[in-house]
Amino acid sequence: MTPGPAAFPPRPVRGVRARYVFQGGCPSAVADATVDFEPWEEGVHLEVAAGATVRGDPEPGELARYHAALAEGVRAELAEQLPGTEPALALVVHHTVVHDVDTSEYAYRRAGQAAVHEVLALLKGDSRRPAERGRRQRS
């Protein structure tokens, strides 16, 4: 019997910053959240932690759409980065930033994709922030 596909994540990864900011004029895009990737059942399950905080003043229903877009970005990027791996995770949201004008579902999908890159780097043992990766060390 052959083993099934590997599950992701292999262990909890907490305090991941899911962030996407593009400010090259109008329109801009802003999404910023702090999430945990917890091993769970098959699929990507979105949870909002008890005591989760929000900076900004989203319209009713808006926050749920942003969180759903975040999970959608995570699903899409996992499929791209880890083909053949079964996502089995709870995406637990602890903090969300909402800008009155520049936050969108698009920005949160991109933030979900960025969070996957952050988690994969952390699991590989690279604890540097994404912006620091690739920078040359000064001597």
N, C-alpha and C. Protein backbone atom coordinates (compact mmCIF):
# COMPACT_ATOMS: atom_id res chain seq x y z
N MET A 1 0.85 -1.17 0.00
CA MET A 1 0.00 0.00 0.00
C MET A 1 0.90 1.23 0.00
N THR A 2 0.59 2.20 -0.85
CA THR A 2 1.40 3.42 -0.92
C THR A 2 0.82 4.47 0.02
N PRO A 3 1.70 5.25 0.62
CA PRO A 3 1.19 6.28 1.52
C PRO A 3 0.45 7.36 0.74
N GLY A 4 -0.52 7.98 1.39
CA GLY A 4 -1.29 9.07 0.77
C GLY A 4 -0.45 10.33 0.70
N PRO A 5 -1.02 11.38 0.13
CA PRO A 5 -0.29 12.63 0.02
C PRO A 5 0.00 13.20 1.41
N ALA A 6 1.09 13.93 1.51
CA ALA A 6 1.45 14.57 2.77
C ALA A 6 0.42 15.64 3.11
N ALA A 7 0.22 15.86 4.39
CA ALA A 7 -0.71 16.89 4.84
C ALA A 7 0.07 18.16 5.17
N PHE A 8 -0.60 19.28 5.03
CA PHE A 8 0.03 20.57 5.32
C PHE A 8 -0.90 21.37 6.22
N PRO A 9 -0.37 21.96 7.27
CA PRO A 9 1.02 22.04 7.70
C PRO A 9 1.41 20.85 8.56
N PRO A 10 2.69 20.52 8.58
CA PRO A 10 3.13 19.38 9.39
C PRO A 10 3.11 19.69 10.89
N ARG A 11 3.12 20.97 11.23
CA ARG A 11 3.08 21.39 12.64
C ARG A 11 2.46 22.79 12.68
N PRO A 12 2.02 23.25 13.86
CA PRO A 12 1.46 24.60 13.94
C PRO A 12 2.50 25.67 13.60
N VAL A 13 2.06 26.68 12.91
CA VAL A 13 2.89 27.87 12.65
C VAL A 13 2.03 29.06 13.06
N ARG A 14 2.45 29.72 14.10
CA ARG A 14 1.61 30.77 14.70
C ARG A 14 2.22 32.16 14.50
N GLY A 15 1.32 33.14 14.51
CA GLY A 15 1.75 34.53 14.42
C GLY A 15 2.25 34.94 13.04
N VAL A 16 1.70 34.35 11.99
CA VAL A 16 2.13 34.65 10.62
C VAL A 16 1.47 35.96 10.18
N ARG A 17 2.27 36.83 9.61
CA ARG A 17 1.74 38.10 9.10
C ARG A 17 1.35 37.91 7.64
N ALA A 18 0.06 38.00 7.39
CA ALA A 18 -0.48 37.92 6.03
C ALA A 18 -0.67 39.36 5.57
N ARG A 19 0.23 39.82 4.71
CA ARG A 19 0.24 41.24 4.38
C ARG A 19 0.46 41.45 2.89
N TYR A 20 -0.34 42.36 2.33
CA TYR A 20 -0.15 42.80 0.95
C TYR A 20 -0.46 44.29 0.91
N VAL A 21 0.51 45.07 0.50
CA VAL A 21 0.34 46.52 0.38
C VAL A 21 0.91 46.95 -0.96
N PHE A 22 0.06 47.59 -1.75
CA PHE A 22 0.50 48.16 -3.03
C PHE A 22 0.00 49.59 -3.07
N GLN A 23 0.95 50.52 -3.09
CA GLN A 23 0.58 51.93 -3.11
C GLN A 23 1.33 52.63 -4.23
N GLY A 24 0.90 52.35 -5.44
CA GLY A 24 1.55 52.94 -6.60
C GLY A 24 0.66 53.98 -7.25
N GLY A 25 -0.25 54.54 -6.52
CA GLY A 25 -1.21 55.49 -7.06
C GLY A 25 -2.60 54.99 -6.73
N CYS A 26 -3.56 55.44 -7.50
CA CYS A 26 -4.94 55.02 -7.27
C CYS A 26 -5.32 54.00 -8.32
N PRO A 27 -5.92 52.91 -8.02
CA PRO A 27 -6.25 52.51 -6.66
C PRO A 27 -5.06 51.83 -5.97
N SER A 28 -5.05 51.89 -4.67
CA SER A 28 -4.06 51.19 -3.87
C SER A 28 -4.71 49.93 -3.31
N ALA A 29 -3.89 49.07 -2.71
CA ALA A 29 -4.41 47.84 -2.12
C ALA A 29 -3.74 47.63 -0.77
N VAL A 30 -4.55 47.43 0.26
CA VAL A 30 -4.02 47.23 1.61
C VAL A 30 -4.75 46.06 2.27
N ALA A 31 -3.97 45.08 2.72
CA ALA A 31 -4.49 43.97 3.49
C ALA A 31 -3.43 43.57 4.50
N ASP A 32 -3.82 43.39 5.73
CA ASP A 32 -2.87 43.04 6.78
C ASP A 32 -3.61 42.25 7.86
N ALA A 33 -3.14 41.05 8.13
CA ALA A 33 -3.76 40.21 9.15
C ALA A 33 -2.68 39.38 9.83
N THR A 34 -2.95 38.96 11.04
CA THR A 34 -2.09 38.03 11.75
C THR A 34 -2.88 36.74 11.93
N VAL A 35 -2.28 35.64 11.48
CA VAL A 35 -2.99 34.35 11.47
C VAL A 35 -2.10 33.23 11.99
N ASP A 36 -2.75 32.15 12.36
CA ASP A 36 -2.06 30.90 12.69
C ASP A 36 -2.44 29.87 11.64
N PHE A 37 -1.48 29.00 11.31
CA PHE A 37 -1.73 27.83 10.47
C PHE A 37 -1.68 26.64 11.41
N GLU A 38 -2.82 26.04 11.70
CA GLU A 38 -2.91 24.92 12.64
C GLU A 38 -3.28 23.64 11.90
N PRO A 39 -2.60 22.52 12.18
CA PRO A 39 -3.03 21.25 11.58
C PRO A 39 -4.49 20.98 11.97
N TRP A 40 -5.28 20.52 11.01
CA TRP A 40 -6.70 20.32 11.24
C TRP A 40 -7.20 19.24 10.31
N GLU A 41 -8.47 19.26 10.01
CA GLU A 41 -9.06 18.30 9.10
C GLU A 41 -8.75 18.69 7.66
N GLU A 42 -9.05 17.79 6.74
CA GLU A 42 -8.78 18.04 5.32
C GLU A 42 -9.45 19.34 4.86
N GLY A 43 -8.70 20.10 4.09
CA GLY A 43 -9.20 21.37 3.56
C GLY A 43 -8.60 22.55 4.31
N VAL A 44 -9.07 23.73 3.96
CA VAL A 44 -8.66 24.96 4.64
C VAL A 44 -9.89 25.50 5.35
N HIS A 45 -9.85 25.49 6.67
CA HIS A 45 -10.98 25.92 7.49
C HIS A 45 -10.64 27.27 8.11
N LEU A 46 -11.50 28.22 7.91
CA LEU A 46 -11.30 29.57 8.43
C LEU A 46 -11.95 29.70 9.79
N GLU A 47 -11.18 30.23 10.74
CA GLU A 47 -11.71 30.50 12.08
C GLU A 47 -11.27 31.90 12.49
N VAL A 48 -12.10 32.56 13.25
CA VAL A 48 -11.73 33.83 13.85
C VAL A 48 -11.57 33.55 15.34
N ALA A 49 -10.39 33.83 15.87
CA ALA A 49 -10.09 33.53 17.27
C ALA A 49 -10.98 34.34 18.20
N ALA A 50 -11.29 33.74 19.33
CA ALA A 50 -11.99 34.50 20.38
C ALA A 50 -11.07 35.65 20.78
N GLY A 51 -11.60 36.82 20.86
CA GLY A 51 -10.79 37.98 21.22
C GLY A 51 -10.04 38.59 20.05
N ALA A 52 -10.34 38.15 18.82
CA ALA A 52 -9.67 38.72 17.65
C ALA A 52 -9.94 40.21 17.58
N THR A 53 -8.96 40.96 17.08
CA THR A 53 -9.10 42.41 17.00
C THR A 53 -9.15 42.87 15.55
N VAL A 54 -9.75 44.05 15.36
CA VAL A 54 -9.85 44.66 14.05
C VAL A 54 -9.45 46.12 14.18
N ARG A 55 -8.53 46.54 13.32
CA ARG A 55 -8.20 47.97 13.25
C ARG A 55 -8.87 48.51 12.00
N GLY A 56 -9.69 49.51 12.19
CA GLY A 56 -10.49 50.06 11.11
C GLY A 56 -11.95 49.85 11.42
N ASP A 57 -12.79 50.28 10.52
CA ASP A 57 -14.23 50.21 10.75
C ASP A 57 -14.93 49.63 9.53
N PRO A 58 -14.83 48.31 9.34
CA PRO A 58 -15.44 47.71 8.15
C PRO A 58 -16.97 47.77 8.21
N GLU A 59 -17.58 47.82 7.04
CA GLU A 59 -19.03 47.76 6.92
C GLU A 59 -19.50 46.36 7.34
N PRO A 60 -20.78 46.23 7.71
CA PRO A 60 -21.30 44.89 8.06
C PRO A 60 -21.09 43.91 6.91
N GLY A 61 -20.58 42.74 7.22
CA GLY A 61 -20.34 41.70 6.22
C GLY A 61 -19.01 41.82 5.49
N GLU A 62 -18.44 43.00 5.53
CA GLU A 62 -17.18 43.24 4.80
C GLU A 62 -16.04 42.40 5.38
N LEU A 63 -15.94 42.36 6.69
CA LEU A 63 -14.86 41.62 7.34
C LEU A 63 -14.92 40.13 6.98
N ALA A 64 -16.12 39.57 6.97
CA ALA A 64 -16.28 38.16 6.60
C ALA A 64 -15.82 37.92 5.16
N ARG A 65 -16.10 38.84 4.26
CA ARG A 65 -15.65 38.69 2.86
C ARG A 65 -14.13 38.78 2.77
N TYR A 66 -13.52 39.67 3.55
CA TYR A 66 -12.06 39.77 3.53
C TYR A 66 -11.42 38.51 4.07
N HIS A 67 -11.97 37.97 5.14
CA HIS A 67 -11.43 36.73 5.71
C HIS A 67 -11.60 35.57 4.73
N ALA A 68 -12.74 35.50 4.06
CA ALA A 68 -12.96 34.45 3.06
C ALA A 68 -11.96 34.58 1.91
N ALA A 69 -11.67 35.81 1.48
CA ALA A 69 -10.69 36.03 0.41
C ALA A 69 -9.30 35.62 0.88
N LEU A 70 -8.98 35.88 2.13
CA LEU A 70 -7.70 35.47 2.70
C LEU A 70 -7.55 33.95 2.61
N ALA A 71 -8.59 33.22 3.02
CA ALA A 71 -8.56 31.75 2.95
C ALA A 71 -8.48 31.28 1.50
N GLU A 72 -9.15 31.97 0.59
CA GLU A 72 -9.10 31.62 -0.83
C GLU A 72 -7.67 31.76 -1.36
N GLY A 73 -6.99 32.84 -0.97
CA GLY A 73 -5.60 33.04 -1.39
C GLY A 73 -4.69 31.95 -0.84
N VAL A 74 -4.92 31.54 0.40
CA VAL A 74 -4.13 30.46 1.00
C VAL A 74 -4.35 29.17 0.20
N ARG A 75 -5.61 28.83 -0.08
CA ARG A 75 -5.91 27.60 -0.84
C ARG A 75 -5.21 27.61 -2.20
N ALA A 76 -5.35 28.72 -2.91
CA ALA A 76 -4.79 28.81 -4.27
C ALA A 76 -3.27 28.70 -4.24
N GLU A 77 -2.64 29.36 -3.29
CA GLU A 77 -1.17 29.33 -3.25
C GLU A 77 -0.64 27.99 -2.80
N LEU A 78 -1.34 27.32 -1.89
CA LEU A 78 -0.92 25.97 -1.50
C LEU A 78 -1.00 25.02 -2.70
N ALA A 79 -2.06 25.13 -3.48
CA ALA A 79 -2.19 24.28 -4.67
C ALA A 79 -1.06 24.55 -5.65
N GLU A 80 -0.65 25.81 -5.76
CA GLU A 80 0.43 26.19 -6.68
C GLU A 80 1.80 25.73 -6.16
N GLN A 81 2.06 25.97 -4.88
CA GLN A 81 3.38 25.73 -4.30
C GLN A 81 3.61 24.27 -3.89
N LEU A 82 2.54 23.58 -3.52
CA LEU A 82 2.68 22.21 -3.01
C LEU A 82 1.74 21.25 -3.73
N PRO A 83 1.90 21.08 -5.04
CA PRO A 83 1.00 20.16 -5.74
C PRO A 83 1.13 18.75 -5.17
N GLY A 84 0.01 18.09 -5.01
CA GLY A 84 0.02 16.74 -4.46
C GLY A 84 -0.03 16.69 -2.95
N THR A 85 0.03 17.85 -2.31
CA THR A 85 -0.07 17.91 -0.86
C THR A 85 -1.49 18.30 -0.49
N GLU A 86 -2.03 17.62 0.50
CA GLU A 86 -3.40 17.91 0.94
C GLU A 86 -3.39 18.97 2.03
N PRO A 87 -4.00 20.14 1.80
CA PRO A 87 -4.11 21.08 2.91
C PRO A 87 -5.05 20.50 3.96
N ALA A 88 -4.62 20.55 5.18
CA ALA A 88 -5.42 20.09 6.31
C ALA A 88 -5.14 21.07 7.44
N LEU A 89 -5.76 22.25 7.33
CA LEU A 89 -5.40 23.29 8.28
C LEU A 89 -6.58 24.15 8.68
N ALA A 90 -6.44 24.68 9.88
CA ALA A 90 -7.33 25.73 10.35
C ALA A 90 -6.54 27.02 10.22
N LEU A 91 -7.07 27.96 9.48
CA LEU A 91 -6.49 29.29 9.35
C LEU A 91 -7.18 30.15 10.39
N VAL A 92 -6.47 30.47 11.46
CA VAL A 92 -7.06 31.17 12.60
C VAL A 92 -6.64 32.63 12.55
N VAL A 93 -7.62 33.52 12.41
CA VAL A 93 -7.36 34.96 12.30
C VAL A 93 -7.38 35.58 13.69
N HIS A 94 -6.30 36.31 14.01
CA HIS A 94 -6.20 36.98 15.31
C HIS A 94 -6.32 38.50 15.21
N HIS A 95 -5.87 39.08 14.11
CA HIS A 95 -5.91 40.53 13.96
C HIS A 95 -6.10 40.86 12.49
N THR A 96 -6.94 41.84 12.22
CA THR A 96 -7.21 42.26 10.85
C THR A 96 -7.16 43.77 10.78
N VAL A 97 -6.53 44.28 9.72
CA VAL A 97 -6.50 45.72 9.47
C VAL A 97 -7.35 46.00 8.24
N VAL A 98 -8.24 46.98 8.38
CA VAL A 98 -9.11 47.37 7.27
C VAL A 98 -8.95 48.86 7.05
N HIS A 99 -8.54 49.24 5.83
CA HIS A 99 -8.44 50.64 5.44
C HIS A 99 -9.76 51.02 4.76
N ASP A 100 -10.28 52.18 5.10
CA ASP A 100 -11.59 52.61 4.58
C ASP A 100 -11.68 52.57 3.06
N VAL A 101 -10.61 52.94 2.37
CA VAL A 101 -10.65 53.06 0.92
C VAL A 101 -9.90 51.94 0.22
N ASP A 102 -8.75 51.57 0.73
CA ASP A 102 -7.82 50.72 -0.02
C ASP A 102 -7.87 49.23 0.27
N THR A 103 -8.68 48.80 1.21
CA THR A 103 -8.78 47.37 1.48
C THR A 103 -9.82 46.76 0.54
N SER A 104 -9.47 45.57 0.03
CA SER A 104 -10.38 44.88 -0.91
C SER A 104 -10.21 43.38 -0.76
N GLU A 105 -11.14 42.65 -1.35
CA GLU A 105 -11.02 41.20 -1.37
C GLU A 105 -9.78 40.78 -2.16
N TYR A 106 -9.50 41.48 -3.25
CA TYR A 106 -8.29 41.21 -4.03
C TYR A 106 -7.05 41.30 -3.14
N ALA A 107 -6.94 42.37 -2.35
CA ALA A 107 -5.77 42.55 -1.49
C ALA A 107 -5.67 41.42 -0.47
N TYR A 108 -6.81 40.98 0.06
CA TYR A 108 -6.76 39.88 1.04
C TYR A 108 -6.44 38.53 0.39
N ARG A 109 -6.85 38.32 -0.86
CA ARG A 109 -6.41 37.10 -1.56
C ARG A 109 -4.89 37.11 -1.71
N ARG A 110 -4.35 38.25 -2.10
CA ARG A 110 -2.89 38.37 -2.24
C ARG A 110 -2.19 38.21 -0.89
N ALA A 111 -2.79 38.72 0.18
CA ALA A 111 -2.21 38.54 1.52
C ALA A 111 -2.20 37.07 1.90
N GLY A 112 -3.23 36.32 1.54
CA GLY A 112 -3.26 34.87 1.80
C GLY A 112 -2.13 34.16 1.07
N GLN A 113 -1.87 34.57 -0.17
CA GLN A 113 -0.77 33.99 -0.92
C GLN A 113 0.56 34.31 -0.24
N ALA A 114 0.73 35.54 0.20
CA ALA A 114 1.97 35.94 0.88
C ALA A 114 2.16 35.16 2.18
N ALA A 115 1.06 34.89 2.89
CA ALA A 115 1.15 34.13 4.14
C ALA A 115 1.68 32.73 3.89
N VAL A 116 1.28 32.11 2.79
CA VAL A 116 1.78 30.77 2.46
C VAL A 116 3.28 30.83 2.24
N HIS A 117 3.77 31.83 1.54
CA HIS A 117 5.22 31.96 1.32
C HIS A 117 5.94 32.12 2.66
N GLU A 118 5.37 32.89 3.56
CA GLU A 118 5.96 33.09 4.89
C GLU A 118 6.03 31.77 5.65
N VAL A 119 4.94 31.01 5.64
CA VAL A 119 4.90 29.73 6.36
C VAL A 119 5.88 28.74 5.77
N LEU A 120 5.94 28.66 4.45
CA LEU A 120 6.88 27.72 3.83
C LEU A 120 8.32 28.07 4.20
N ALA A 121 8.66 29.35 4.24
CA ALA A 121 10.01 29.77 4.63
C ALA A 121 10.28 29.41 6.09
N LEU A 122 9.30 29.63 6.95
CA LEU A 122 9.48 29.31 8.37
C LEU A 122 9.66 27.80 8.56
N LEU A 123 8.90 27.01 7.82
CA LEU A 123 9.02 25.56 7.94
C LEU A 123 10.35 25.05 7.41
N LYS A 124 10.94 25.78 6.47
CA LYS A 124 12.26 25.41 5.95
C LYS A 124 13.38 25.91 6.85
N GLY A 125 13.03 26.65 7.89
CA GLY A 125 14.03 27.12 8.83
C GLY A 125 14.57 28.50 8.55
N ASP A 126 13.98 29.23 7.61
CA ASP A 126 14.42 30.60 7.32
C ASP A 126 13.52 31.53 8.10
N SER A 127 14.01 32.02 9.23
CA SER A 127 13.20 32.84 10.12
C SER A 127 13.23 34.32 9.75
N ARG A 128 13.97 34.68 8.70
CA ARG A 128 14.00 36.08 8.29
C ARG A 128 12.69 36.47 7.64
N ARG A 129 12.31 37.72 7.78
CA ARG A 129 11.11 38.25 7.13
C ARG A 129 11.30 38.18 5.62
N PRO A 130 10.21 38.07 4.84
CA PRO A 130 10.34 37.96 3.40
C PRO A 130 11.17 39.08 2.77
N ALA A 131 11.05 40.30 3.24
CA ALA A 131 11.82 41.41 2.67
C ALA A 131 13.31 41.26 2.92
N GLU A 132 13.66 40.50 3.96
CA GLU A 132 15.08 40.32 4.29
C GLU A 132 15.70 39.19 3.49
N ARG A 133 14.88 38.26 3.01
CA ARG A 133 15.42 37.16 2.22
C ARG A 133 15.92 37.73 0.91
N GLY A 134 17.05 37.31 0.51
CA GLY A 134 17.60 37.78 -0.74
C GLY A 134 18.49 39.01 -0.59
N ARG A 135 18.40 39.67 0.56
CA ARG A 135 19.31 40.79 0.79
C ARG A 135 20.69 40.24 1.11
N ARG A 136 21.69 40.90 0.58
CA ARG A 136 23.05 40.43 0.85
C ARG A 136 23.46 40.92 2.24
N GLN A 137 24.18 40.07 2.93
CA GLN A 137 24.70 40.42 4.24
C GLN A 137 25.86 41.38 4.10
N ARG A 138 25.89 42.37 4.94
CA ARG A 138 27.04 43.29 4.95
C ARG A 138 28.19 42.66 5.71
N SER A 139 29.39 42.92 5.23
CA SER A 139 30.55 42.38 5.93
C SER A 139 31.15 43.41 6.84
